[in-house]
Amino acid sequence: MKTAVSIRDDVFENTERLARRMRKSRSEVYSLALAEYVARHAPEYVTEAYDRICAEIHENADPFVSAAAGRILEHEEW
């Protein structure tokens, strides 16, 4: 989809440099940037990202660290 937007000169120039360095088109850089912005600010995407991170941490959890954390939390007031 094509769209027209107004962008500050400095943002445009920085994007041009980044696109050249990444060997991507300007459109691709803007598209990636907007996708990342939306992912960071849409609550459902933020929750999904946290869920993925927690799942990864759980899969790679050190048994000793998990046990120690559990013992510490047992004595904490919730």
C-alpha atoms as a PDB file:
ATOM      1  CA  MET A   1       0.000   0.000   0.000  1.00  0.00           C
ATOM      2  CA  LYS A   2       1.249   3.459  -0.798  1.00  0.00           C
ATOM      3  CA  THR A   3       0.735   6.392   1.528  1.00  0.00           C
ATOM      4  CA  ALA A   4       2.071   9.918   1.882  1.00  0.00           C
ATOM      5  CA  VAL A   5       3.319  11.307   5.177  1.00  0.00           C
ATOM      6  CA  SER A   6       5.247  14.368   6.297  1.00  0.00           C
ATOM      7  CA  ILE A   7       8.600  13.657   7.931  1.00  0.00           C
ATOM      8  CA  ARG A   8      11.090  16.057   9.477  1.00  0.00           C
ATOM      9  CA  ASP A   9      14.176  16.625   7.340  1.00  0.00           C
ATOM     10  CA  ASP A  10      16.561  15.143   9.912  1.00  0.00           C
ATOM     11  CA  VAL A  11      14.484  11.963  10.226  1.00  0.00           C
ATOM     12  CA  PHE A  12      14.390  11.625   6.442  1.00  0.00           C
ATOM     13  CA  GLU A  13      18.166  12.099   6.133  1.00  0.00           C
ATOM     14  CA  ASN A  14      18.912   9.626   8.925  1.00  0.00           C
ATOM     15  CA  THR A  15      16.577   7.113   7.321  1.00  0.00           C
ATOM     16  CA  GLU A  16      18.292   7.544   3.960  1.00  0.00           C
ATOM     17  CA  ARG A  17      21.680   6.820   5.553  1.00  0.00           C
ATOM     18  CA  LEU A  18      20.325   3.823   7.424  1.00  0.00           C
ATOM     19  CA  ALA A  19      18.678   2.411   4.298  1.00  0.00           C
ATOM     20  CA  ARG A  20      21.950   2.662   2.363  1.00  0.00           C
ATOM     21  CA  ARG A  21      23.917   1.079   5.201  1.00  0.00           C
ATOM     22  CA  MET A  22      21.383  -1.762   5.539  1.00  0.00           C
ATOM     23  CA  ARG A  23      21.086  -2.117   1.754  1.00  0.00           C
ATOM     24  CA  LYS A  24      17.312  -1.820   2.008  1.00  0.00           C
ATOM     25  CA  SER A  25      14.881   0.457   0.267  1.00  0.00           C
ATOM     26  CA  ARG A  26      13.611   3.545   2.069  1.00  0.00           C
ATOM     27  CA  SER A  27      10.107   2.060   1.974  1.00  0.00           C
ATOM     28  CA  GLU A  28      11.318  -1.122   3.619  1.00  0.00           C
ATOM     29  CA  VAL A  29      13.029   0.811   6.420  1.00  0.00           C
ATOM     30  CA  TYR A  30       9.897   2.879   7.099  1.00  0.00           C
ATOM     31  CA  SER A  31       7.725  -0.227   6.991  1.00  0.00           C
ATOM     32  CA  LEU A  32       9.984  -2.078   9.455  1.00  0.00           C
ATOM     33  CA  ALA A  33      10.103   0.957  11.743  1.00  0.00           C
ATOM     34  CA  LEU A  34       6.337   1.342  11.810  1.00  0.00           C
ATOM     35  CA  ALA A  35       5.824  -2.375  12.416  1.00  0.00           C
ATOM     36  CA  GLU A  36       8.214  -2.218  15.364  1.00  0.00           C
ATOM     37  CA  TYR A  37       6.520   0.905  16.741  1.00  0.00           C
ATOM     38  CA  VAL A  38       3.086  -0.703  16.561  1.00  0.00           C
ATOM     39  CA  ALA A  39       4.392  -3.903  18.155  1.00  0.00           C
ATOM     40  CA  ARG A  40       5.863  -1.926  21.047  1.00  0.00           C
ATOM     41  CA  HIS A  41       2.735   0.125  21.688  1.00  0.00           C
ATOM     42  CA  ALA A  42      -0.191  -2.216  21.034  1.00  0.00           C
ATOM     43  CA  PRO A  43      -1.078  -3.884  24.358  1.00  0.00           C
ATOM     44  CA  GLU A  44      -1.793  -7.294  22.838  1.00  0.00           C
ATOM     45  CA  TYR A  45       1.600  -7.340  21.102  1.00  0.00           C
ATOM     46  CA  VAL A  46       3.372  -6.253  24.276  1.00  0.00           C
ATOM     47  CA  THR A  47       1.688  -9.071  26.217  1.00  0.00           C
ATOM     48  CA  GLU A  48       2.623 -11.600  23.525  1.00  0.00           C
ATOM     49  CA  ALA A  49       6.244 -10.427  23.625  1.00  0.00           C
ATOM     50  CA  TYR A  50       6.399 -10.741  27.422  1.00  0.00           C
ATOM     51  CA  ASP A  51       4.822 -14.198  27.220  1.00  0.00           C
ATOM     52  CA  ARG A  52       7.445 -15.312  24.664  1.00  0.00           C
ATOM     53  CA  ILE A  53      10.284 -13.965  26.807  1.00  0.00           C
ATOM     54  CA  CYS A  54       8.938 -15.637  29.951  1.00  0.00           C
ATOM     55  CA  ALA A  55       8.565 -18.943  28.090  1.00  0.00           C
ATOM     56  CA  GLU A  56      12.164 -18.713  26.856  1.00  0.00           C
ATOM     57  CA  ILE A  57      13.433 -17.929  30.344  1.00  0.00           C
ATOM     58  CA  HIS A  58      11.435 -20.812  31.806  1.00  0.00           C
ATOM     59  CA  GLU A  59      12.820 -23.249  29.212  1.00  0.00           C
ATOM     60  CA  ASN A  60      16.394 -22.220  29.970  1.00  0.00           C
ATOM     61  CA  ALA A  61      15.998 -21.856  33.721  1.00  0.00           C
ATOM     62  CA  ASP A  62      18.796 -23.139  35.899  1.00  0.00           C
ATOM     63  CA  PRO A  63      17.283 -25.551  38.467  1.00  0.00           C
ATOM     64  CA  PHE A  64      19.443 -24.157  41.292  1.00  0.00           C
ATOM     65  CA  VAL A  65      18.452 -20.564  40.539  1.00  0.00           C
ATOM     66  CA  SER A  66      14.757 -21.534  40.302  1.00  0.00           C
ATOM     67  CA  ALA A  67      14.903 -23.351  43.645  1.00  0.00           C
ATOM     68  CA  ALA A  68      16.732 -20.460  45.327  1.00  0.00           C
ATOM     69  CA  ALA A  69      14.237 -17.943  43.962  1.00  0.00           C
ATOM     70  CA  GLY A  70      11.369 -20.116  45.189  1.00  0.00           C
ATOM     71  CA  ARG A  71      12.818 -20.234  48.704  1.00  0.00           C
ATOM     72  CA  ILE A  72      13.270 -16.472  48.764  1.00  0.00           C
ATOM     73  CA  LEU A  73       9.714 -15.858  47.531  1.00  0.00           C
ATOM     74  CA  GLU A  74       8.278 -18.187  50.202  1.00  0.00           C
ATOM     75  CA  HIS A  75       9.402 -15.665  52.814  1.00  0.00           C
ATOM     76  CA  GLU A  76       8.141 -12.575  51.014  1.00  0.00           C
ATOM     77  CA  GLU A  77       4.886 -10.920  51.954  1.00  0.00           C
ATOM     78  CA  TRP A  78       2.595 -10.663  48.943  1.00  0.00           C
END
